Amino acid sequence: MGSVDSEMDSIFPDNKRHRNRLVPLGAFLTAGVLAAGLISFKRGNSQLGQQLMRARVLVQGGTVALMVGSAYYYGDNFKRAA
């Protein structure tokens, strides 16, 4: 992982990289809901499994929206600062 960080430092030398701390949380929630849905299907509770799969789509969509929103927000701030 060190080489990736050094490569990013060479691209963005002024430490302009920002991370939204909610994105990893959304990824873990997505994985958790997916796992619960798959377990429900395996146990034969298809109705609960379907509800969990729909919930996974919503959580995953929210995570993607956070990623896009963060990229837009920080990207816009960089354009104004430069």
PDB file of N, CA and C in Angstrom:
ATOM      1  N   MET A   1       0.802  -1.193   0.000  1.00  0.00           N
ATOM      2  CA  MET A   1       0.000   0.000   0.000  1.00  0.00           C
ATOM      3  C   MET A   1       0.845   1.258   0.000  1.00  0.00           C
ATOM      4  N   GLY A   2       2.062   1.158   0.451  1.00  0.00           N
ATOM      5  CA  GLY A   2       2.931   2.323   0.502  1.00  0.00           C
ATOM      6  C   GLY A   2       3.206   2.892  -0.869  1.00  0.00           C
ATOM      7  N   SER A   3       3.327   2.028  -1.879  1.00  0.00           N
ATOM      8  CA  SER A   3       3.617   2.518  -3.222  1.00  0.00           C
ATOM      9  C   SER A   3       2.435   3.289  -3.800  1.00  0.00           C
ATOM     10  N   VAL A   4       1.227   2.874  -3.445  1.00  0.00           N
ATOM     11  CA  VAL A   4       0.047   3.594  -3.924  1.00  0.00           C
ATOM     12  C   VAL A   4       0.008   4.986  -3.308  1.00  0.00           C
ATOM     13  N   ASP A   5       0.306   5.077  -2.010  1.00  0.00           N
ATOM     14  CA  ASP A   5       0.325   6.382  -1.350  1.00  0.00           C
ATOM     15  C   ASP A   5       1.395   7.285  -1.930  1.00  0.00           C
ATOM     16  N   SER A   6       2.586   6.746  -2.207  1.00  0.00           N
ATOM     17  CA  SER A   6       3.640   7.581  -2.768  1.00  0.00           C
ATOM     18  C   SER A   6       3.294   8.010  -4.191  1.00  0.00           C
ATOM     19  N   GLU A   7       2.620   7.121  -4.931  1.00  0.00           N
ATOM     20  CA  GLU A   7       2.186   7.490  -6.281  1.00  0.00           C
ATOM     21  C   GLU A   7       1.144   8.603  -6.221  1.00  0.00           C
ATOM     22  N   MET A   8       0.223   8.502  -5.284  1.00  0.00           N
ATOM     23  CA  MET A   8      -0.786   9.552  -5.128  1.00  0.00           C
ATOM     24  C   MET A   8      -0.145  10.853  -4.669  1.00  0.00           C
ATOM     25  N   ASP A   9       0.883  10.772  -3.820  1.00  0.00           N
ATOM     26  CA  ASP A   9       1.584  11.982  -3.388  1.00  0.00           C
ATOM     27  C   ASP A   9       2.280  12.671  -4.558  1.00  0.00           C
ATOM     28  N   SER A  10       2.770  11.884  -5.520  1.00  0.00           N
ATOM     29  CA  SER A  10       3.418  12.504  -6.680  1.00  0.00           C
ATOM     30  C   SER A  10       2.392  13.165  -7.598  1.00  0.00           C
ATOM     31  N   ILE A  11       1.166  12.640  -7.618  1.00  0.00           N
ATOM     32  CA  ILE A  11       0.113  13.242  -8.443  1.00  0.00           C
ATOM     33  C   ILE A  11      -0.461  14.470  -7.743  1.00  0.00           C
ATOM     34  N   PHE A  12      -0.703  14.347  -6.441  1.00  0.00           N
ATOM     35  CA  PHE A  12      -1.275  15.437  -5.654  1.00  0.00           C
ATOM     36  C   PHE A  12      -0.286  15.828  -4.553  1.00  0.00           C
ATOM     37  N   PRO A  13       0.738  16.605  -4.877  1.00  0.00           N
ATOM     38  CA  PRO A  13       1.789  16.884  -3.898  1.00  0.00           C
ATOM     39  C   PRO A  13       1.335  17.749  -2.724  1.00  0.00           C
ATOM     40  N   ASP A  14       0.285  18.507  -2.875  1.00  0.00           N
ATOM     41  CA  ASP A  14      -0.146  19.406  -1.804  1.00  0.00           C
ATOM     42  C   ASP A  14      -1.151  18.752  -0.869  1.00  0.00           C
ATOM     43  N   ASN A  15      -1.188  17.428  -0.879  1.00  0.00           N
ATOM     44  CA  ASN A  15      -2.095  16.661  -0.023  1.00  0.00           C
ATOM     45  C   ASN A  15      -3.544  17.096  -0.234  1.00  0.00           C
ATOM     46  N   LYS A  16      -3.972  17.134  -1.475  1.00  0.00           N
ATOM     47  CA  LYS A  16      -5.328  17.555  -1.817  1.00  0.00           C
ATOM     48  C   LYS A  16      -6.315  16.397  -1.801  1.00  0.00           C
ATOM     49  N   ARG A  17      -5.854  15.251  -1.375  1.00  0.00           N
ATOM     50  CA  ARG A  17      -6.755  14.106  -1.326  1.00  0.00           C
ATOM     51  C   ARG A  17      -7.613  14.194  -0.072  1.00  0.00           C
ATOM     52  N   HIS A  18      -8.891  13.936  -0.226  1.00  0.00           N
ATOM     53  CA  HIS A  18      -9.822  13.929   0.898  1.00  0.00           C
ATOM     54  C   HIS A  18     -10.580  12.617   0.878  1.00  0.00           C
ATOM     55  N   ARG A  19     -10.936  12.173   2.055  1.00  0.00           N
ATOM     56  CA  ARG A  19     -11.701  10.933   2.160  1.00  0.00           C
ATOM     57  C   ARG A  19     -12.953  11.200   2.961  1.00  0.00           C
ATOM     58  N   ASN A  20     -14.057  10.687   2.461  1.00  0.00           N
ATOM     59  CA  ASN A  20     -15.307  10.768   3.195  1.00  0.00           C
ATOM     60  C   ASN A  20     -15.386   9.537   4.087  1.00  0.00           C
ATOM     61  N   ARG A  21     -15.429   9.741   5.371  1.00  0.00           N
ATOM     62  CA  ARG A  21     -15.403   8.622   6.318  1.00  0.00           C
ATOM     63  C   ARG A  21     -16.693   7.806   6.287  1.00  0.00           C
ATOM     64  N   LEU A  22     -17.744   8.313   5.680  1.00  0.00           N
ATOM     65  CA  LEU A  22     -18.998   7.572   5.613  1.00  0.00           C
ATOM     66  C   LEU A  22     -18.995   6.519   4.507  1.00  0.00           C
ATOM     67  N   VAL A  23     -18.109   6.645   3.527  1.00  0.00           N
ATOM     68  CA  VAL A  23     -18.073   5.697   2.410  1.00  0.00           C
ATOM     69  C   VAL A  23     -17.701   4.290   2.888  1.00  0.00           C
ATOM     70  N   PRO A  24     -16.652   4.101   3.700  1.00  0.00           N
ATOM     71  CA  PRO A  24     -16.384   2.739   4.188  1.00  0.00           C
ATOM     72  C   PRO A  24     -17.525   2.186   5.045  1.00  0.00           C
ATOM     73  N   LEU A  25     -18.162   3.044   5.821  1.00  0.00           N
ATOM     74  CA  LEU A  25     -19.316   2.609   6.613  1.00  0.00           C
ATOM     75  C   LEU A  25     -20.428   2.104   5.692  1.00  0.00           C
ATOM     76  N   GLY A  26     -20.685   2.829   4.619  1.00  0.00           N
ATOM     77  CA  GLY A  26     -21.697   2.391   3.657  1.00  0.00           C
ATOM     78  C   GLY A  26     -21.333   1.077   3.000  1.00  0.00           C
ATOM     79  N   ALA A  27     -20.045   0.888   2.721  1.00  0.00           N
ATOM     80  CA  ALA A  27     -19.599  -0.377   2.124  1.00  0.00           C
ATOM     81  C   ALA A  27     -19.806  -1.536   3.093  1.00  0.00           C
ATOM     82  N   PHE A  28     -19.485  -1.334   4.362  1.00  0.00           N
ATOM     83  CA  PHE A  28     -19.694  -2.392   5.356  1.00  0.00           C
ATOM     84  C   PHE A  28     -21.177  -2.677   5.555  1.00  0.00           C
ATOM     85  N   LEU A  29     -22.004  -1.631   5.568  1.00  0.00           N
ATOM     86  CA  LEU A  29     -23.446  -1.847   5.684  1.00  0.00           C
ATOM     87  C   LEU A  29     -23.990  -2.622   4.488  1.00  0.00           C
ATOM     88  N   THR A  30     -23.514  -2.275   3.296  1.00  0.00           N
ATOM     89  CA  THR A  30     -23.936  -2.986   2.095  1.00  0.00           C
ATOM     90  C   THR A  30     -23.569  -4.466   2.194  1.00  0.00           C
ATOM     91  N   ALA A  31     -22.345  -4.742   2.597  1.00  0.00           N
ATOM     92  CA  ALA A  31     -21.907  -6.131   2.735  1.00  0.00           C
ATOM     93  C   ALA A  31     -22.700  -6.872   3.804  1.00  0.00           C
ATOM     94  N   GLY A  32     -23.008  -6.197   4.894  1.00  0.00           N
ATOM     95  CA  GLY A  32     -23.779  -6.819   5.971  1.00  0.00           C
ATOM     96  C   GLY A  32     -25.194  -7.161   5.554  1.00  0.00           C
ATOM     97  N   VAL A  33     -25.848  -6.233   4.871  1.00  0.00           N
ATOM     98  CA  VAL A  33     -27.216  -6.486   4.414  1.00  0.00           C
ATOM     99  C   VAL A  33     -27.214  -7.587   3.352  1.00  0.00           C
ATOM    100  N   LEU A  34     -26.210  -7.587   2.477  1.00  0.00           N
ATOM    101  CA  LEU A  34     -26.094  -8.644   1.474  1.00  0.00           C
ATOM    102  C   LEU A  34     -25.929 -10.004   2.141  1.00  0.00           C
ATOM    103  N   ALA A  35     -25.046 -10.087   3.117  1.00  0.00           N
ATOM    104  CA  ALA A  35     -24.825 -11.359   3.819  1.00  0.00           C
ATOM    105  C   ALA A  35     -26.097 -11.828   4.520  1.00  0.00           C
ATOM    106  N   ALA A  36     -26.791 -10.912   5.175  1.00  0.00           N
ATOM    107  CA  ALA A  36     -28.034 -11.279   5.858  1.00  0.00           C
ATOM    108  C   ALA A  36     -29.081 -11.764   4.854  1.00  0.00           C
ATOM    109  N   GLY A  37     -29.157 -11.118   3.704  1.00  0.00           N
ATOM    110  CA  GLY A  37     -30.113 -11.550   2.676  1.00  0.00           C
ATOM    111  C   GLY A  37     -29.787 -12.923   2.137  1.00  0.00           C
ATOM    112  N   LEU A  38     -28.507 -13.190   1.898  1.00  0.00           N
ATOM    113  CA  LEU A  38     -28.117 -14.509   1.399  1.00  0.00           C
ATOM    114  C   LEU A  38     -28.385 -15.596   2.436  1.00  0.00           C
ATOM    115  N   ILE A  39     -28.148 -15.289   3.700  1.00  0.00           N
ATOM    116  CA  ILE A  39     -28.439 -16.247   4.766  1.00  0.00           C
ATOM    117  C   ILE A  39     -29.941 -16.520   4.834  1.00  0.00           C
ATOM    118  N   SER A  40     -30.749 -15.475   4.677  1.00  0.00           N
ATOM    119  CA  SER A  40     -32.204 -15.653   4.693  1.00  0.00           C
ATOM    120  C   SER A  40     -32.662 -16.543   3.552  1.00  0.00           C
ATOM    121  N   PHE A  41     -32.103 -16.334   2.374  1.00  0.00           N
ATOM    122  CA  PHE A  41     -32.458 -17.187   1.235  1.00  0.00           C
ATOM    123  C   PHE A  41     -32.068 -18.643   1.507  1.00  0.00           C
ATOM    124  N   LYS A  42     -30.882 -18.830   2.078  1.00  0.00           N
ATOM    125  CA  LYS A  42     -30.407 -20.194   2.338  1.00  0.00           C
ATOM    126  C   LYS A  42     -31.291 -20.905   3.351  1.00  0.00           C
ATOM    127  N   ARG A  43     -31.807 -20.168   4.309  1.00  0.00           N
ATOM    128  CA  ARG A  43     -32.677 -20.762   5.340  1.00  0.00           C
ATOM    129  C   ARG A  43     -34.115 -20.928   4.861  1.00  0.00           C
ATOM    130  N   GLY A  44     -34.414 -20.467   3.659  1.00  0.00           N
ATOM    131  CA  GLY A  44     -35.747 -20.665   3.100  1.00  0.00           C
ATOM    132  C   GLY A  44     -36.715 -19.524   3.336  1.00  0.00           C
ATOM    133  N   ASN A  45     -36.271 -18.425   3.905  1.00  0.00           N
ATOM    134  CA  ASN A  45     -37.143 -17.281   4.143  1.00  0.00           C
ATOM    135  C   ASN A  45     -36.983 -16.307   2.975  1.00  0.00           C
ATOM    136  N   SER A  46     -37.638 -16.621   1.871  1.00  0.00           N
ATOM    137  CA  SER A  46     -37.436 -15.830   0.658  1.00  0.00           C
ATOM    138  C   SER A  46     -38.046 -14.431   0.765  1.00  0.00           C
ATOM    139  N   GLN A  47     -39.114 -14.265   1.535  1.00  0.00           N
ATOM    140  CA  GLN A  47     -39.718 -12.941   1.671  1.00  0.00           C
ATOM    141  C   GLN A  47     -38.766 -11.977   2.377  1.00  0.00           C
ATOM    142  N   LEU A  48     -38.159 -12.407   3.468  1.00  0.00           N
ATOM    143  CA  LEU A  48     -37.185 -11.573   4.168  1.00  0.00           C
ATOM    144  C   LEU A  48     -35.956 -11.348   3.297  1.00  0.00           C
ATOM    145  N   GLY A  49     -35.544 -12.382   2.573  1.00  0.00           N
ATOM    146  CA  GLY A  49     -34.396 -12.250   1.680  1.00  0.00           C
ATOM    147  C   GLY A  49     -34.625 -11.195   0.615  1.00  0.00           C
ATOM    148  N   GLN A  50     -35.830 -11.171   0.050  1.00  0.00           N
ATOM    149  CA  GLN A  50     -36.165 -10.155  -0.961  1.00  0.00           C
ATOM    150  C   GLN A  50     -36.137  -8.755  -0.358  1.00  0.00           C
ATOM    151  N   GLN A  51     -36.672  -8.606   0.838  1.00  0.00           N
ATOM    152  CA  GLN A  51     -36.658  -7.291   1.490  1.00  0.00           C
ATOM    153  C   GLN A  51     -35.223  -6.835   1.764  1.00  0.00           C
ATOM    154  N   LEU A  52     -34.380  -7.764   2.183  1.00  0.00           N
ATOM    155  CA  LEU A  52     -32.990  -7.408   2.453  1.00  0.00           C
ATOM    156  C   LEU A  52     -32.243  -7.071   1.162  1.00  0.00           C
ATOM    157  N   MET A  53     -32.564  -7.750   0.071  1.00  0.00           N
ATOM    158  CA  MET A  53     -31.914  -7.424  -1.198  1.00  0.00           C
ATOM    159  C   MET A  53     -32.332  -6.029  -1.674  1.00  0.00           C
ATOM    160  N   ARG A  54     -33.585  -5.686  -1.453  1.00  0.00           N
ATOM    161  CA  ARG A  54     -34.032  -4.329  -1.805  1.00  0.00           C
ATOM    162  C   ARG A  54     -33.352  -3.289  -0.914  1.00  0.00           C
ATOM    163  N   ALA A  55     -33.193  -3.624   0.364  1.00  0.00           N
ATOM    164  CA  ALA A  55     -32.502  -2.719   1.282  1.00  0.00           C
ATOM    165  C   ALA A  55     -31.039  -2.559   0.864  1.00  0.00           C
ATOM    166  N   ARG A  56     -30.440  -3.654   0.393  1.00  0.00           N
ATOM    167  CA  ARG A  56     -29.050  -3.580  -0.066  1.00  0.00           C
ATOM    168  C   ARG A  56     -28.901  -2.617  -1.228  1.00  0.00           C
ATOM    169  N   VAL A  57     -29.865  -2.656  -2.145  1.00  0.00           N
ATOM    170  CA  VAL A  57     -29.808  -1.743  -3.292  1.00  0.00           C
ATOM    171  C   VAL A  57     -29.868  -0.294  -2.813  1.00  0.00           C
ATOM    172  N   LEU A  58     -30.725  -0.018  -1.840  1.00  0.00           N
ATOM    173  CA  LEU A  58     -30.829   1.352  -1.311  1.00  0.00           C
ATOM    174  C   LEU A  58     -29.539   1.783  -0.605  1.00  0.00           C
ATOM    175  N   VAL A  59     -28.989   0.902   0.224  1.00  0.00           N
ATOM    176  CA  VAL A  59     -27.754   1.237   0.945  1.00  0.00           C
ATOM    177  C   VAL A  59     -26.596   1.412  -0.036  1.00  0.00           C
ATOM    178  N   GLN A  60     -26.531   0.533  -1.029  1.00  0.00           N
ATOM    179  CA  GLN A  60     -25.468   0.628  -2.021  1.00  0.00           C
ATOM    180  C   GLN A  60     -25.608   1.914  -2.834  1.00  0.00           C
ATOM    181  N   GLY A  61     -26.827   2.269  -3.191  1.00  0.00           N
ATOM    182  CA  GLY A  61     -27.057   3.522  -3.917  1.00  0.00           C
ATOM    183  C   GLY A  61     -26.655   4.731  -3.092  1.00  0.00           C
ATOM    184  N   GLY A  62     -26.948   4.689  -1.797  1.00  0.00           N
ATOM    185  CA  GLY A  62     -26.539   5.779  -0.919  1.00  0.00           C
ATOM    186  C   GLY A  62     -25.028   5.904  -0.827  1.00  0.00           C
ATOM    187  N   THR A  63     -24.348   4.768  -0.793  1.00  0.00           N
ATOM    188  CA  THR A  63     -22.884   4.780  -0.745  1.00  0.00           C
ATOM    189  C   THR A  63     -22.303   5.370  -2.022  1.00  0.00           C
ATOM    190  N   VAL A  64     -22.850   4.976  -3.156  1.00  0.00           N
ATOM    191  CA  VAL A  64     -22.376   5.527  -4.428  1.00  0.00           C
ATOM    192  C   VAL A  64     -22.663   7.024  -4.492  1.00  0.00           C
ATOM    193  N   ALA A  65     -23.820   7.445  -4.001  1.00  0.00           N
ATOM    194  CA  ALA A  65     -24.150   8.871  -3.980  1.00  0.00           C
ATOM    195  C   ALA A  65     -23.161   9.649  -3.105  1.00  0.00           C
ATOM    196  N   LEU A  66     -22.772   9.064  -1.966  1.00  0.00           N
ATOM    197  CA  LEU A  66     -21.757   9.702  -1.114  1.00  0.00           C
ATOM    198  C   LEU A  66     -20.427   9.844  -1.848  1.00  0.00           C
ATOM    199  N   MET A  67     -20.045   8.806  -2.578  1.00  0.00           N
ATOM    200  CA  MET A  67     -18.781   8.857  -3.312  1.00  0.00           C
ATOM    201  C   MET A  67     -18.813   9.930  -4.386  1.00  0.00           C
ATOM    202  N   VAL A  68     -19.900   9.977  -5.147  1.00  0.00           N
ATOM    203  CA  VAL A  68     -20.014  10.961  -6.222  1.00  0.00           C
ATOM    204  C   VAL A  68     -20.104  12.369  -5.639  1.00  0.00           C
ATOM    205  N   GLY A  69     -20.898  12.517  -4.579  1.00  0.00           N
ATOM    206  CA  GLY A  69     -21.024  13.824  -3.941  1.00  0.00           C
ATOM    207  C   GLY A  69     -19.710  14.327  -3.369  1.00  0.00           C
ATOM    208  N   SER A  70     -18.946  13.429  -2.762  1.00  0.00           N
ATOM    209  CA  SER A  70     -17.635  13.814  -2.215  1.00  0.00           C
ATOM    210  C   SER A  70     -16.686  14.230  -3.332  1.00  0.00           C
ATOM    211  N   ALA A  71     -16.685  13.460  -4.410  1.00  0.00           N
ATOM    212  CA  ALA A  71     -15.801  13.793  -5.531  1.00  0.00           C
ATOM    213  C   ALA A  71     -16.186  15.134  -6.135  1.00  0.00           C
ATOM    214  N   TYR A  72     -17.470  15.390  -6.265  1.00  0.00           N
ATOM    215  CA  TYR A  72     -17.914  16.666  -6.825  1.00  0.00           C
ATOM    216  C   TYR A  72     -17.571  17.822  -5.887  1.00  0.00           C
ATOM    217  N   TYR A  73     -17.850  17.647  -4.595  1.00  0.00           N
ATOM    218  CA  TYR A  73     -17.607  18.713  -3.628  1.00  0.00           C
ATOM    219  C   TYR A  73     -16.122  19.057  -3.541  1.00  0.00           C
ATOM    220  N   TYR A  74     -15.290  18.045  -3.336  1.00  0.00           N
ATOM    221  CA  TYR A  74     -13.864  18.314  -3.200  1.00  0.00           C
ATOM    222  C   TYR A  74     -13.235  18.714  -4.519  1.00  0.00           C
ATOM    223  N   GLY A  75     -13.709  18.172  -5.617  1.00  0.00           N
ATOM    224  CA  GLY A  75     -13.204  18.555  -6.918  1.00  0.00           C
ATOM    225  C   GLY A  75     -13.523  20.009  -7.222  1.00  0.00           C
ATOM    226  N   ASP A  76     -14.709  20.447  -6.853  1.00  0.00           N
ATOM    227  CA  ASP A  76     -15.116  21.830  -7.058  1.00  0.00           C
ATOM    228  C   ASP A  76     -14.284  22.766  -6.191  1.00  0.00           C
ATOM    229  N   ASN A  77     -13.999  22.366  -4.947  1.00  0.00           N
ATOM    230  CA  ASN A  77     -13.167  23.189  -4.062  1.00  0.00           C
ATOM    231  C   ASN A  77     -11.756  23.331  -4.614  1.00  0.00           C
ATOM    232  N   PHE A  78     -11.239  22.281  -5.232  1.00  0.00           N
ATOM    233  CA  PHE A  78      -9.888  22.353  -5.791  1.00  0.00           C
ATOM    234  C   PHE A  78      -9.856  23.320  -6.969  1.00  0.00           C
ATOM    235  N   LYS A  79     -10.893  23.340  -7.767  1.00  0.00           N
ATOM    236  CA  LYS A  79     -10.917  24.238  -8.927  1.00  0.00           C
ATOM    237  C   LYS A  79     -10.913  25.692  -8.479  1.00  0.00           C
ATOM    238  N   ARG A  80     -11.644  25.985  -7.410  1.00  0.00           N
ATOM    239  CA  ARG A  80     -11.675  27.367  -6.913  1.00  0.00           C
ATOM    240  C   ARG A  80     -10.362  27.766  -6.260  1.00  0.00           C
ATOM    241  N   ALA A  81      -9.689  26.813  -5.578  1.00  0.00           N
ATOM    242  CA  ALA A  81      -8.448  27.121  -4.879  1.00  0.00           C
ATOM    243  C   ALA A  81      -7.273  27.283  -5.836  1.00  0.00           C
ATOM    244  N   ALA A  82      -7.343  26.613  -6.978  1.00  0.00           N
ATOM    245  CA  ALA A  82      -6.206  26.639  -7.910  1.00  0.00           C
ATOM    246  C   ALA A  82      -6.134  27.894  -8.711  1.00  0.00           C
TER     247      ALA A  82
END
